[in-house]
N, C-alpha and C. Protein backbone atom coordinates (compact mmCIF):
# COMPACT_ATOMS: atom_id res chain seq x y z
N UNK A 1 309.68 101.20 358.11
CA UNK A 1 310.24 101.66 356.93
C UNK A 1 309.19 102.02 355.87
N UNK A 2 309.55 102.82 354.87
CA UNK A 2 308.63 103.24 353.79
C UNK A 2 309.32 102.96 352.39
N UNK A 3 308.45 102.78 351.34
CA UNK A 3 309.00 102.76 350.03
C UNK A 3 308.51 104.01 349.33
N UNK A 4 309.45 104.50 348.57
CA UNK A 4 309.27 105.86 348.04
C UNK A 4 309.30 105.75 346.39
N UNK A 5 308.33 106.56 345.81
CA UNK A 5 308.36 106.66 344.35
C UNK A 5 308.29 108.16 344.08
N UNK A 6 309.28 108.54 343.17
CA UNK A 6 309.37 109.93 342.64
C UNK A 6 309.49 110.13 341.24
N UNK A 7 309.03 111.30 340.80
CA UNK A 7 308.91 111.35 339.24
C UNK A 7 309.87 112.57 338.95
N UNK A 8 310.73 112.55 338.08
CA UNK A 8 311.40 113.69 337.45
C UNK A 8 311.19 113.76 336.00
N UNK A 9 311.11 114.87 335.16
CA UNK A 9 311.10 114.93 333.89
C UNK A 9 312.26 115.68 333.21
N UNK A 10 312.93 115.03 332.20
CA UNK A 10 314.07 115.54 331.52
C UNK A 10 313.81 116.69 330.72
N UNK A 11 314.70 117.71 330.73
CA UNK A 11 314.62 118.77 329.73
C UNK A 11 314.74 118.22 328.20
N UNK A 12 314.24 118.76 327.35
CA UNK A 12 314.42 118.54 325.87
C UNK A 12 315.90 118.33 325.64
N UNK A 13 316.23 117.25 324.88
CA UNK A 13 317.39 116.89 324.32
C UNK A 13 318.60 116.68 325.56
N UNK A 14 318.01 116.40 326.60
CA UNK A 14 319.06 116.12 327.91
C UNK A 14 319.25 114.62 328.20
N UNK A 15 318.64 113.85 327.51
CA UNK A 15 318.62 112.46 327.93
C UNK A 15 320.11 111.81 328.05
N UNK A 16 320.75 112.00 326.73
CA UNK A 16 322.08 111.47 326.82
C UNK A 16 322.94 112.04 327.89
N UNK A 17 322.87 113.32 328.02
CA UNK A 17 323.74 113.94 329.10
C UNK A 17 323.47 113.58 330.44
N UNK A 18 322.07 113.26 330.73
CA UNK A 18 321.62 112.87 331.91
C UNK A 18 322.26 111.50 332.28
N UNK A 19 322.11 110.61 331.39
CA UNK A 19 322.71 109.15 331.56
C UNK A 19 324.14 109.16 331.88
N UNK A 20 324.79 110.13 331.07
CA UNK A 20 326.38 110.18 331.40
C UNK A 20 326.64 110.81 332.70
N UNK A 21 325.92 111.69 333.16
CA UNK A 21 326.13 112.45 334.50
C UNK A 21 325.87 111.48 335.73
N UNK A 22 324.79 110.76 335.45
CA UNK A 22 324.49 109.80 336.54
C UNK A 22 325.49 108.71 336.54
N UNK A 23 325.95 108.36 335.48
CA UNK A 23 327.04 107.12 335.43
C UNK A 23 328.35 107.67 336.03
N UNK A 24 328.79 108.93 335.69
CA UNK A 24 329.87 109.64 335.99
C UNK A 24 330.00 109.83 337.59
N UNK A 25 328.79 110.39 337.99
CA UNK A 25 328.70 110.73 339.40
C UNK A 25 328.19 109.73 340.38
N UNK A 26 328.03 108.36 340.07
CA UNK A 26 327.30 107.38 340.61
C UNK A 26 327.79 107.15 342.18
N UNK A 27 329.23 107.27 342.38
CA UNK A 27 329.79 107.09 343.63
C UNK A 27 329.22 108.24 344.63
N UNK A 28 329.25 109.55 344.12
CA UNK A 28 328.85 110.46 345.00
C UNK A 28 327.39 110.56 345.19
N UNK A 29 326.58 110.13 344.14
CA UNK A 29 325.14 109.96 344.46
C UNK A 29 324.83 108.82 345.39
N UNK A 30 325.51 107.80 345.41
CA UNK A 30 325.41 106.82 346.42
C UNK A 30 325.55 107.22 347.81
N UNK A 31 326.63 108.12 348.05
CA UNK A 31 326.89 108.77 349.24
C UNK A 31 325.76 109.63 349.65
N UNK A 32 325.29 110.54 348.71
CA UNK A 32 324.10 111.25 348.98
C UNK A 32 322.87 110.56 349.48
N UNK A 33 322.58 109.56 348.68
CA UNK A 33 321.43 108.71 349.03
C UNK A 33 321.53 108.09 350.51
N UNK A 34 322.83 107.53 350.91
CA UNK A 34 323.08 107.12 352.18
C UNK A 34 322.88 108.08 353.24
N UNK A 35 323.30 109.37 352.98
CA UNK A 35 323.23 110.40 353.82
C UNK A 35 321.76 110.81 354.09
N UNK A 36 320.96 110.61 353.14
CA UNK A 36 319.51 110.80 353.11
C UNK A 36 318.74 109.69 353.67
N UNK A 37 319.47 108.60 354.11
CA UNK A 37 318.73 107.51 354.59
C UNK A 37 318.11 106.52 353.62
N UNK A 38 318.47 106.64 352.38
CA UNK A 38 317.78 105.85 351.22
C UNK A 38 318.67 104.65 351.01
N UNK A 39 318.01 103.50 350.50
CA UNK A 39 318.56 102.31 350.09
C UNK A 39 317.87 101.65 348.86
N UNK A 40 318.34 100.88 348.27
CA UNK A 40 317.72 100.07 347.17
C UNK A 40 317.17 101.08 346.05
N UNK A 41 317.96 101.92 345.81
CA UNK A 41 317.57 103.01 344.70
C UNK A 41 317.62 102.41 343.39
N UNK A 42 316.63 102.65 342.63
CA UNK A 42 316.57 102.35 341.11
C UNK A 42 316.18 103.62 340.33
N UNK A 43 316.84 103.99 339.34
CA UNK A 43 316.36 105.05 338.49
C UNK A 43 316.02 104.52 337.22
N UNK A 44 314.90 104.79 336.79
CA UNK A 44 314.30 104.32 335.48
C UNK A 44 314.17 105.49 334.45
N UNK A 45 314.28 105.28 333.20
CA UNK A 45 314.28 106.19 332.17
C UNK A 45 313.59 105.80 330.96
N UNK A 46 312.66 106.60 330.22
CA UNK A 46 312.19 106.17 329.07
C UNK A 46 311.76 107.72 328.36
N UNK A 47 312.39 107.92 327.35
CA UNK A 47 311.90 109.27 326.61
C UNK A 47 312.35 110.48 327.62
N UNK A 48 311.38 111.28 327.97
CA UNK A 48 311.55 112.43 328.84
C UNK A 48 311.37 111.92 330.35
N UNK A 49 310.83 110.85 330.35
CA UNK A 49 310.31 110.43 331.72
C UNK A 49 311.30 109.62 332.72
N UNK A 50 311.38 110.13 333.87
CA UNK A 50 312.42 109.54 335.07
C UNK A 50 311.61 109.18 336.14
N UNK A 51 311.60 107.98 336.41
CA UNK A 51 311.02 107.44 337.88
C UNK A 51 312.04 106.88 338.67
N UNK A 52 311.79 107.21 339.94
CA UNK A 52 312.79 106.69 341.00
C UNK A 52 312.14 105.92 341.96
N UNK A 53 312.77 104.78 342.34
CA UNK A 53 312.14 103.81 343.45
C UNK A 53 313.32 103.78 344.40
N UNK A 54 312.91 103.99 345.77
CA UNK A 54 313.79 103.75 346.80
C UNK A 54 313.10 103.36 348.16
N UNK A 55 313.94 102.89 349.03
CA UNK A 55 313.39 102.41 350.40
C UNK A 55 314.20 103.24 351.37
N UNK A 56 313.50 103.33 352.42
CA UNK A 56 314.07 103.99 353.80
C UNK A 56 313.59 103.14 354.90
N UNK A 57 314.69 103.07 355.81
CA UNK A 57 314.39 102.40 357.08
C UNK A 57 313.63 103.29 358.07
N UNK A 58 313.56 104.49 357.78
CA UNK A 58 312.88 105.54 358.62
C UNK A 58 311.34 105.77 358.25
N UNK A 59 310.69 105.60 359.32
CA UNK A 59 309.10 105.82 359.01
C UNK A 59 308.82 107.30 358.87
N UNK A 60 309.65 108.23 359.41
CA UNK A 60 309.45 109.61 359.37
C UNK A 60 309.30 110.10 357.87
N UNK A 61 308.20 110.95 357.57
CA UNK A 61 307.96 111.40 356.31
C UNK A 61 308.98 112.56 355.81
N UNK A 62 309.93 112.93 356.78
CA UNK A 62 310.91 113.70 356.52
C UNK A 62 312.09 113.30 355.69
N UNK A 63 312.16 112.00 355.39
CA UNK A 63 313.06 111.43 354.46
C UNK A 63 312.42 111.47 353.11
N UNK A 64 313.11 112.13 352.38
CA UNK A 64 312.76 112.55 350.92
C UNK A 64 313.72 112.23 349.81
N UNK A 65 313.24 112.08 348.76
CA UNK A 65 314.41 112.08 347.50
C UNK A 65 314.82 113.50 347.09
N UNK A 66 316.02 113.61 346.88
CA UNK A 66 316.53 115.00 346.41
C UNK A 66 317.63 114.80 345.44
N UNK A 67 317.50 115.40 344.21
CA UNK A 67 318.80 115.36 343.45
C UNK A 67 319.54 116.55 343.65
N UNK A 68 320.90 116.34 343.54
CA UNK A 68 321.78 117.43 343.50
C UNK A 68 321.40 118.65 342.76
N UNK A 69 321.71 119.90 343.27
CA UNK A 69 321.11 121.23 342.58
C UNK A 69 321.62 121.23 341.20
N UNK A 70 322.82 120.78 340.80
CA UNK A 70 323.29 120.98 339.49
C UNK A 70 322.51 120.18 338.35
N UNK A 71 321.70 119.19 338.85
CA UNK A 71 320.90 118.43 338.05
C UNK A 71 319.84 119.41 337.43
N UNK A 72 319.63 120.56 338.04
CA UNK A 72 318.62 121.56 337.28
C UNK A 72 318.81 121.82 335.81
N UNK A 73 320.02 121.66 335.38
CA UNK A 73 320.23 121.94 334.03
C UNK A 73 319.74 120.86 333.12
N UNK A 74 319.44 119.72 333.74
CA UNK A 74 318.86 118.52 333.11
C UNK A 74 317.56 118.19 333.20
N UNK A 75 317.01 118.70 334.19
CA UNK A 75 315.64 118.21 334.81
C UNK A 75 314.66 119.49 334.92
N UNK A 76 313.46 119.22 334.49
CA UNK A 76 312.49 120.28 334.78
C UNK A 76 312.28 120.57 336.33
N UNK A 77 311.78 121.80 336.68
CA UNK A 77 311.77 122.01 338.07
C UNK A 77 310.03 122.24 338.30
N UNK A 78 309.78 122.02 339.67
CA UNK A 78 308.44 122.24 340.11
C UNK A 78 308.33 123.23 341.21
N UNK A 79 307.45 124.01 341.67
CA UNK A 79 307.43 124.65 342.99
C UNK A 79 307.65 123.86 344.08
N UNK A 80 308.32 124.34 345.00
CA UNK A 80 308.79 123.70 346.26
C UNK A 80 307.47 123.56 347.02
N UNK A 81 307.46 122.20 347.69
CA UNK A 81 306.43 121.90 348.66
C UNK A 81 306.56 122.84 350.06
N UNK A 82 305.50 123.42 350.13
CA UNK A 82 305.56 124.26 351.26
C UNK A 82 305.50 123.64 352.71
N UNK A 83 305.25 122.38 352.67
CA UNK A 83 305.24 121.61 353.98
C UNK A 83 306.42 120.81 354.16
N UNK A 84 307.37 120.79 353.13
CA UNK A 84 308.63 120.05 353.36
C UNK A 84 309.80 120.86 354.11
N UNK A 85 310.22 120.20 355.07
CA UNK A 85 311.37 120.75 356.00
C UNK A 85 312.73 120.76 355.29
N UNK A 86 312.84 119.97 353.89
CA UNK A 86 314.15 119.74 353.39
C UNK A 86 314.34 120.89 352.28
N UNK A 87 313.45 121.65 352.04
CA UNK A 87 313.53 122.70 350.93
C UNK A 87 313.33 124.08 351.46
N UNK A 88 314.30 124.97 350.99
CA UNK A 88 314.29 126.33 351.45
C UNK A 88 313.26 127.21 350.85
N UNK A 89 312.97 128.29 351.37
CA UNK A 89 311.87 129.10 350.85
C UNK A 89 312.24 129.58 349.58
N UNK A 90 311.24 129.52 348.63
CA UNK A 90 311.32 130.01 347.12
C UNK A 90 312.19 129.06 346.29
N UNK A 91 312.47 127.88 346.91
CA UNK A 91 313.38 127.15 346.21
C UNK A 91 312.60 125.90 345.35
N UNK A 92 312.83 125.69 344.12
CA UNK A 92 312.28 124.71 343.43
C UNK A 92 312.84 123.25 343.59
N UNK A 93 311.94 122.42 343.10
CA UNK A 93 312.27 121.05 343.49
C UNK A 93 312.47 120.25 342.00
N UNK A 94 313.36 119.09 341.93
CA UNK A 94 313.47 118.52 340.70
C UNK A 94 312.86 117.38 340.58
N UNK A 95 312.26 116.88 341.72
CA UNK A 95 311.44 115.57 341.67
C UNK A 95 310.29 115.80 342.51
N UNK A 96 309.11 115.07 342.12
CA UNK A 96 307.91 115.10 342.93
C UNK A 96 307.54 113.74 343.35
N UNK A 97 306.89 113.68 344.60
CA UNK A 97 306.48 112.25 344.99
C UNK A 97 305.29 111.71 344.14
N UNK A 98 305.32 110.50 343.97
CA UNK A 98 304.29 109.76 343.28
C UNK A 98 303.36 109.04 344.21
N UNK A 99 302.01 109.19 343.99
CA UNK A 99 301.16 108.48 344.85
C UNK A 99 300.96 107.04 344.78
N UNK A 100 301.19 106.36 345.88
CA UNK A 100 300.93 104.89 345.92
C UNK A 100 299.65 104.62 345.90
N UNK A 101 299.15 103.99 344.70
CA UNK A 101 297.58 103.65 344.60
C UNK A 101 297.38 102.26 344.55
N UNK A 102 298.53 101.40 344.47
CA UNK A 102 298.26 99.99 344.70
C UNK A 102 299.68 99.31 345.22
N UNK A 103 299.50 98.44 346.29
CA UNK A 103 300.77 97.60 346.55
C UNK A 103 300.40 96.24 347.18
N UNK A 104 301.00 95.27 346.56
CA UNK A 104 300.67 93.97 346.92
C UNK A 104 301.00 93.52 348.38
N UNK A 105 302.28 94.06 348.82
CA UNK A 105 302.75 93.89 350.02
C UNK A 105 303.06 95.23 351.03
N UNK A 106 302.97 94.98 352.31
CA UNK A 106 303.28 96.28 353.22
C UNK A 106 304.40 95.95 354.04
N UNK A 107 305.52 96.25 353.78
CA UNK A 107 306.73 96.07 354.74
C UNK A 107 306.54 96.75 356.14
N UNK A 108 307.07 96.09 357.16
CA UNK A 108 306.99 96.57 358.45
C UNK A 108 308.35 97.10 358.88
N UNK A 109 309.31 96.31 358.87
CA UNK A 109 310.73 96.39 359.21
C UNK A 109 311.62 96.11 358.03
N UNK A 110 312.74 96.87 357.83
CA UNK A 110 313.56 96.84 356.53
C UNK A 110 314.21 95.42 356.74
N UNK A 111 314.76 95.02 357.94
CA UNK A 111 315.42 93.69 358.06
C UNK A 111 314.64 92.56 357.50
N UNK A 112 313.22 92.52 358.09
CA UNK A 112 312.50 91.34 357.65
C UNK A 112 311.99 91.53 356.16
N UNK A 113 311.93 92.77 355.63
CA UNK A 113 311.47 92.99 354.16
C UNK A 113 312.55 92.51 353.33
N UNK A 114 313.85 92.68 353.60
CA UNK A 114 314.89 92.19 352.76
C UNK A 114 315.48 90.89 353.03
N UNK A 115 315.26 90.42 354.32
CA UNK A 115 315.75 89.10 354.70
C UNK A 115 315.49 87.83 353.79
N UNK A 116 316.51 87.27 353.35
CA UNK A 116 316.43 85.93 352.65
C UNK A 116 315.81 86.16 351.30
N UNK A 117 315.81 87.42 350.76
CA UNK A 117 315.25 87.63 349.31
C UNK A 117 316.33 87.68 348.32
N UNK A 118 316.03 86.91 347.32
CA UNK A 118 316.83 86.91 346.15
C UNK A 118 316.39 88.05 345.33
N UNK A 119 317.13 88.95 344.77
CA UNK A 119 316.70 89.67 343.62
C UNK A 119 317.50 89.50 342.41
N UNK A 120 316.82 89.01 341.36
CA UNK A 120 317.55 88.75 340.12
C UNK A 120 317.27 90.16 339.19
N UNK A 121 316.16 90.67 339.36
CA UNK A 121 315.84 91.82 338.23
C UNK A 121 314.76 92.61 339.01
N UNK A 122 315.00 94.10 338.63
CA UNK A 122 314.23 95.06 339.28
C UNK A 122 313.57 95.73 337.97
N UNK A 123 312.19 95.84 337.89
CA UNK A 123 311.63 96.32 336.58
C UNK A 123 310.53 97.54 336.94
N UNK A 124 310.88 98.47 336.22
CA UNK A 124 310.11 99.40 336.01
C UNK A 124 309.22 99.80 334.80
N UNK A 125 307.83 100.12 334.74
CA UNK A 125 307.11 100.30 333.68
C UNK A 125 306.23 101.46 333.81
N UNK A 126 305.89 102.09 332.66
CA UNK A 126 305.10 103.21 332.61
C UNK A 126 303.84 103.19 331.86
N UNK A 127 302.78 103.63 332.25
CA UNK A 127 301.39 103.63 331.33
C UNK A 127 300.85 105.04 331.55
N UNK A 128 299.85 105.28 330.70
CA UNK A 128 299.02 106.44 330.71
C UNK A 128 297.51 106.19 330.70
N UNK A 129 296.97 106.63 331.88
CA UNK A 129 295.48 106.45 332.10
C UNK A 129 294.71 107.53 331.22
N UNK A 130 293.57 107.08 330.73
CA UNK A 130 292.55 108.14 330.36
C UNK A 130 292.05 108.91 331.51
N UNK A 131 292.11 110.14 331.41
CA UNK A 131 291.69 110.98 332.65
C UNK A 131 290.32 110.61 333.36
N UNK A 132 289.43 110.34 332.31
CA UNK A 132 288.07 110.15 332.91
C UNK A 132 288.04 108.75 333.60
N UNK A 133 289.08 107.90 333.44
CA UNK A 133 289.01 106.63 334.04
C UNK A 133 289.89 106.43 335.20
N UNK A 134 290.47 107.60 335.61
CA UNK A 134 291.40 107.52 336.77
C UNK A 134 290.73 106.99 337.96
N UNK A 135 289.45 107.58 338.44
CA UNK A 135 288.84 107.18 339.59
C UNK A 135 288.57 105.59 339.54
N UNK A 136 288.15 105.05 338.50
CA UNK A 136 287.75 103.81 338.27
C UNK A 136 288.90 102.94 338.43
N UNK A 137 290.14 103.28 338.02
CA UNK A 137 291.33 102.43 338.06
C UNK A 137 291.73 102.47 339.45
N UNK A 138 291.62 103.58 340.26
CA UNK A 138 292.02 103.53 341.54
C UNK A 138 291.13 102.76 342.49
N UNK A 139 289.75 102.76 342.24
CA UNK A 139 288.76 102.02 342.94
C UNK A 139 289.06 100.48 342.75
N UNK A 140 289.17 100.02 341.52
CA UNK A 140 289.44 98.66 341.21
C UNK A 140 290.63 98.15 341.86
N UNK A 141 291.85 98.98 341.94
CA UNK A 141 293.07 98.47 342.56
C UNK A 141 293.09 98.49 344.04
N UNK A 142 292.25 99.40 344.60
CA UNK A 142 292.07 99.53 346.06
C UNK A 142 291.31 98.07 346.50
N UNK A 143 290.32 97.81 345.72
CA UNK A 143 289.49 96.73 346.02
C UNK A 143 290.40 95.31 345.90
N UNK A 144 291.16 95.36 344.81
CA UNK A 144 291.99 94.02 344.59
C UNK A 144 293.07 94.08 345.66
N UNK A 145 293.63 95.13 346.19
CA UNK A 145 294.84 95.30 347.10
C UNK A 145 294.20 94.66 348.45
N UNK A 146 292.91 95.14 348.85
CA UNK A 146 292.51 94.76 350.13
C UNK A 146 291.59 93.53 350.10
N UNK A 147 291.21 93.03 349.11
CA UNK A 147 290.40 91.76 348.99
C UNK A 147 291.45 90.53 348.95
N UNK A 148 292.53 90.88 348.33
CA UNK A 148 293.49 89.61 348.09
C UNK A 148 294.83 90.13 348.40
N UNK A 149 295.14 90.54 349.66
CA UNK A 149 296.38 91.21 349.97
C UNK A 149 297.56 90.05 349.95
N UNK A 150 298.68 90.56 349.43
CA UNK A 150 299.84 89.78 349.51
C UNK A 150 299.58 88.45 348.64
N UNK A 151 299.12 88.56 347.54
CA UNK A 151 298.63 87.50 346.74
C UNK A 151 299.53 87.02 345.49
N UNK A 152 300.46 87.88 345.02
CA UNK A 152 301.29 87.40 343.88
C UNK A 152 302.78 88.02 343.92
N UNK A 153 303.05 89.24 344.56
CA UNK A 153 304.35 89.55 344.49
C UNK A 153 304.27 90.91 345.41
N UNK A 154 304.95 90.60 346.72
CA UNK A 154 304.83 91.61 347.71
C UNK A 154 305.52 92.75 347.36
N UNK A 155 306.41 92.78 346.34
CA UNK A 155 307.25 94.07 345.99
C UNK A 155 306.62 94.95 344.87
N UNK A 156 305.36 94.37 344.29
CA UNK A 156 304.75 94.99 343.18
C UNK A 156 304.08 96.20 343.80
N UNK A 157 304.30 97.42 343.27
CA UNK A 157 303.74 98.68 343.72
C UNK A 157 303.40 99.56 342.48
N UNK A 158 302.34 100.37 342.47
CA UNK A 158 301.97 101.33 341.37
C UNK A 158 301.73 102.63 341.94
N UNK A 159 302.23 103.51 341.27
CA UNK A 159 302.17 105.05 341.65
C UNK A 159 301.44 105.77 340.63
N UNK A 160 301.03 106.99 340.97
CA UNK A 160 300.21 107.97 340.10
C UNK A 160 300.67 109.23 340.19
N UNK A 161 301.02 109.78 339.07
CA UNK A 161 301.30 111.29 338.76
C UNK A 161 300.46 111.70 337.70
N UNK A 162 299.52 112.50 337.82
CA UNK A 162 298.88 113.21 336.86
C UNK A 162 297.97 111.97 336.20
N UNK A 163 298.28 111.79 334.85
CA UNK A 163 297.71 110.52 334.14
C UNK A 163 298.73 109.38 333.87
N UNK A 164 300.02 109.57 334.49
CA UNK A 164 300.98 108.67 334.28
C UNK A 164 301.01 107.65 335.42
N UNK A 165 301.00 106.44 335.16
CA UNK A 165 301.11 105.45 336.20
C UNK A 165 302.60 104.80 336.03
N UNK A 166 303.17 104.48 337.22
CA UNK A 166 304.45 103.82 337.23
C UNK A 166 304.32 102.45 338.14
N UNK A 167 304.70 101.52 337.61
CA UNK A 167 304.85 100.12 338.27
C UNK A 167 306.25 99.66 338.55
N UNK A 168 306.54 99.10 339.79
CA UNK A 168 307.85 98.49 340.24
C UNK A 168 307.60 97.28 340.80
N UNK A 169 308.54 96.31 340.25
CA UNK A 169 308.41 94.99 340.97
C UNK A 169 309.72 94.26 340.83
N UNK A 170 310.09 93.37 341.76
CA UNK A 170 311.31 92.58 341.50
C UNK A 170 310.87 91.22 341.24
N UNK A 171 311.93 90.68 340.57
CA UNK A 171 311.93 89.18 340.28
C UNK A 171 313.15 88.39 340.93
N UNK A 172 312.92 87.28 341.44
CA UNK A 172 311.59 86.48 341.30
C UNK A 172 310.53 86.95 342.28
N UNK A 173 309.37 86.63 341.96
CA UNK A 173 308.32 87.07 342.82
C UNK A 173 308.51 86.56 344.15
N UNK A 174 307.91 87.38 345.22
CA UNK A 174 308.00 86.92 346.51
C UNK A 174 306.65 87.07 347.20
N UNK A 175 306.30 86.13 347.92
CA UNK A 175 305.30 86.19 349.00
C UNK A 175 305.41 85.82 350.17
N UNK A 176 305.28 86.55 351.23
CA UNK A 176 305.52 86.28 352.55
C UNK A 176 304.77 85.13 353.10
N UNK A 177 305.20 84.39 354.09
CA UNK A 177 304.47 83.25 354.82
C UNK A 177 303.46 83.92 355.54
N UNK A 178 303.69 85.21 356.08
CA UNK A 178 302.68 85.74 356.89
C UNK A 178 301.96 86.98 356.13
N UNK A 179 300.97 86.44 355.53
CA UNK A 179 300.16 87.40 354.64
C UNK A 179 299.32 88.34 355.60
N UNK A 180 299.23 89.57 355.14
CA UNK A 180 298.53 90.50 355.95
C UNK A 180 297.02 90.39 355.58
N UNK A 181 296.23 90.72 356.57
CA UNK A 181 294.77 90.78 356.36
C UNK A 181 294.28 92.10 355.74
N UNK A 182 293.62 92.11 354.62
CA UNK A 182 293.07 93.25 354.03
C UNK A 182 291.99 93.74 354.77
N UNK A 183 291.58 94.98 354.48
CA UNK A 183 290.47 95.76 355.18
C UNK A 183 289.18 95.59 354.56
N UNK A 184 289.10 94.80 353.42
CA UNK A 184 287.85 94.43 352.82
C UNK A 184 287.46 92.93 352.93
N UNK A 185 286.31 92.50 353.32
CA UNK A 185 286.02 91.22 353.29
C UNK A 185 285.15 90.65 352.04
N UNK A 186 284.84 91.63 351.15
CA UNK A 186 284.10 91.38 350.02
C UNK A 186 284.96 90.58 349.00
N UNK A 187 284.41 90.10 348.02
CA UNK A 187 284.98 89.27 347.01
C UNK A 187 284.43 89.75 345.54
N UNK A 188 284.82 90.95 345.28
CA UNK A 188 284.07 91.60 344.13
C UNK A 188 285.16 91.82 343.10
N UNK A 189 286.38 91.71 343.28
CA UNK A 189 287.36 91.93 342.16
C UNK A 189 287.15 91.06 341.04
N UNK A 190 287.04 91.81 339.85
CA UNK A 190 286.64 91.07 338.57
C UNK A 190 287.49 89.91 338.23
N UNK A 191 286.93 88.75 337.75
CA UNK A 191 287.76 87.66 337.55
C UNK A 191 288.50 87.93 336.10
N UNK A 192 287.82 88.62 335.18
CA UNK A 192 288.35 88.98 333.93
C UNK A 192 289.09 90.26 334.10
N UNK A 193 290.11 90.31 334.90
CA UNK A 193 290.97 91.46 335.30
C UNK A 193 291.60 92.20 334.18
N UNK A 194 292.29 91.55 333.35
CA UNK A 194 292.80 92.34 332.18
C UNK A 194 291.81 92.99 331.13
N UNK A 195 290.79 92.27 330.96
CA UNK A 195 289.69 92.74 330.05
C UNK A 195 288.98 93.96 330.66
N UNK A 196 288.84 94.01 331.93
CA UNK A 196 288.33 95.18 332.68
C UNK A 196 289.13 96.30 332.75
N UNK A 197 290.65 96.08 332.74
CA UNK A 197 291.57 97.12 332.85
C UNK A 197 291.84 97.87 331.47
N UNK A 198 291.63 97.18 330.46
CA UNK A 198 292.16 97.64 329.14
C UNK A 198 291.60 98.98 328.77
N UNK A 199 290.08 99.29 328.98
CA UNK A 199 289.60 100.63 328.59
C UNK A 199 290.15 101.69 329.49
N UNK A 200 290.95 101.45 330.49
CA UNK A 200 291.35 102.55 331.33
C UNK A 200 292.56 103.19 330.77
N UNK A 201 293.23 102.64 329.84
CA UNK A 201 294.48 103.03 329.16
C UNK A 201 294.46 103.73 327.98
N UNK A 202 295.34 104.75 327.81
CA UNK A 202 295.80 105.23 326.50
C UNK A 202 297.15 104.48 326.06
N UNK A 203 297.15 104.01 324.85
CA UNK A 203 298.14 103.10 324.55
C UNK A 203 299.41 104.00 324.04
N UNK A 204 300.60 103.40 324.16
CA UNK A 204 301.89 103.99 323.68
C UNK A 204 302.22 103.26 322.30
N UNK A 205 302.95 103.78 321.47
CA UNK A 205 303.45 103.22 320.23
C UNK A 205 305.04 102.71 320.46
N UNK A 206 305.26 101.53 320.27
CA UNK A 206 306.62 101.13 320.30
C UNK A 206 307.38 101.40 319.10
N UNK A 207 308.44 101.04 318.94
CA UNK A 207 309.46 101.43 317.69
C UNK A 207 308.87 100.89 316.52
N UNK A 208 308.11 99.79 316.57
CA UNK A 208 307.49 99.08 315.41
C UNK A 208 306.07 99.59 315.08
N UNK A 209 305.75 100.73 315.84
CA UNK A 209 304.44 101.16 315.74
C UNK A 209 303.19 100.37 316.42
N UNK A 210 303.60 99.30 317.08
CA UNK A 210 302.60 98.60 317.80
C UNK A 210 302.16 99.14 319.16
N UNK A 211 300.78 99.08 319.29
CA UNK A 211 300.13 99.48 320.69
C UNK A 211 300.69 98.82 321.77
N UNK A 212 301.09 99.58 322.80
CA UNK A 212 301.29 98.96 324.09
C UNK A 212 300.77 99.60 325.33
N UNK A 213 300.14 98.91 326.21
CA UNK A 213 299.49 99.59 327.33
C UNK A 213 300.61 99.93 328.44
N UNK A 214 301.48 99.00 328.68
CA UNK A 214 302.61 99.23 329.62
C UNK A 214 303.95 99.34 328.78
N UNK A 215 304.78 100.22 328.98
CA UNK A 215 306.06 100.41 328.33
C UNK A 215 307.06 100.25 329.34
N UNK A 216 308.06 99.23 329.17
CA UNK A 216 309.00 99.03 330.16
C UNK A 216 309.97 99.99 329.95
N UNK A 217 310.65 100.49 331.15
CA UNK A 217 311.48 101.44 331.13
C UNK A 217 312.88 100.92 331.38
N UNK A 218 313.96 101.76 330.94
CA UNK A 218 315.32 101.30 331.10
C UNK A 218 315.81 101.57 332.49
N UNK A 219 316.45 100.69 333.08
CA UNK A 219 316.89 100.98 334.41
C UNK A 219 318.44 101.39 334.29
N UNK A 220 318.71 102.75 334.68
CA UNK A 220 319.99 103.12 334.47
C UNK A 220 321.05 103.04 335.54
N UNK A 221 320.27 102.77 336.74
CA UNK A 221 321.09 102.69 338.02
C UNK A 221 320.37 101.73 338.94
N UNK A 222 321.09 101.05 339.55
CA UNK A 222 320.52 100.25 340.62
C UNK A 222 321.52 99.97 341.77
N UNK A 223 320.93 99.32 342.87
CA UNK A 223 321.92 99.03 344.04
C UNK A 223 322.52 97.61 344.01
N UNK A 224 322.06 96.87 342.92
CA UNK A 224 322.54 95.56 342.72
C UNK A 224 323.42 95.46 341.48
């Protein structure tokens, strides 16, 4: 199986209509997702930013996220991926894949991944990296990922699109009894992790004007 992260961007002043459209068409969307082989879909929104989390039991890279074409009035478009078999020539796309730069767990099979797991909450958050700190951020996270694999919540995953990073996790936290072996035997992950991470971020302002590193997004659809 694979875990998928995608990014879409709302057109100006389209957030309210986007929310209404998703709510009104949710049964049709669920049918489309099932036809695409997708499950456990969650859509998160904040300002103009839309992030999608989904899972597929198929290991083939041909399974991709696609919005219905009429969403083009609500979402910005990007040039089509020339290597994608799902897109026609000269056709734009409304969502782009987000690169996985950290995951605490690696699922092998969908049945064992979801087996006996309770899900009370699915959380998506967004942050913005300083461009000059992106390589450092990825370096530290790969180090942590492989030195201490499956250490705190196997559902936790971080994706990168440009300088935007998106994190997804489920609560309660889950750690498998069968922890995977990481590919690094070193023990160099900083003990003062949060202190080391802070200079990597450009802060957001919340409604009260307070600086935030991670901004929690609103989940407007989910499979539970």
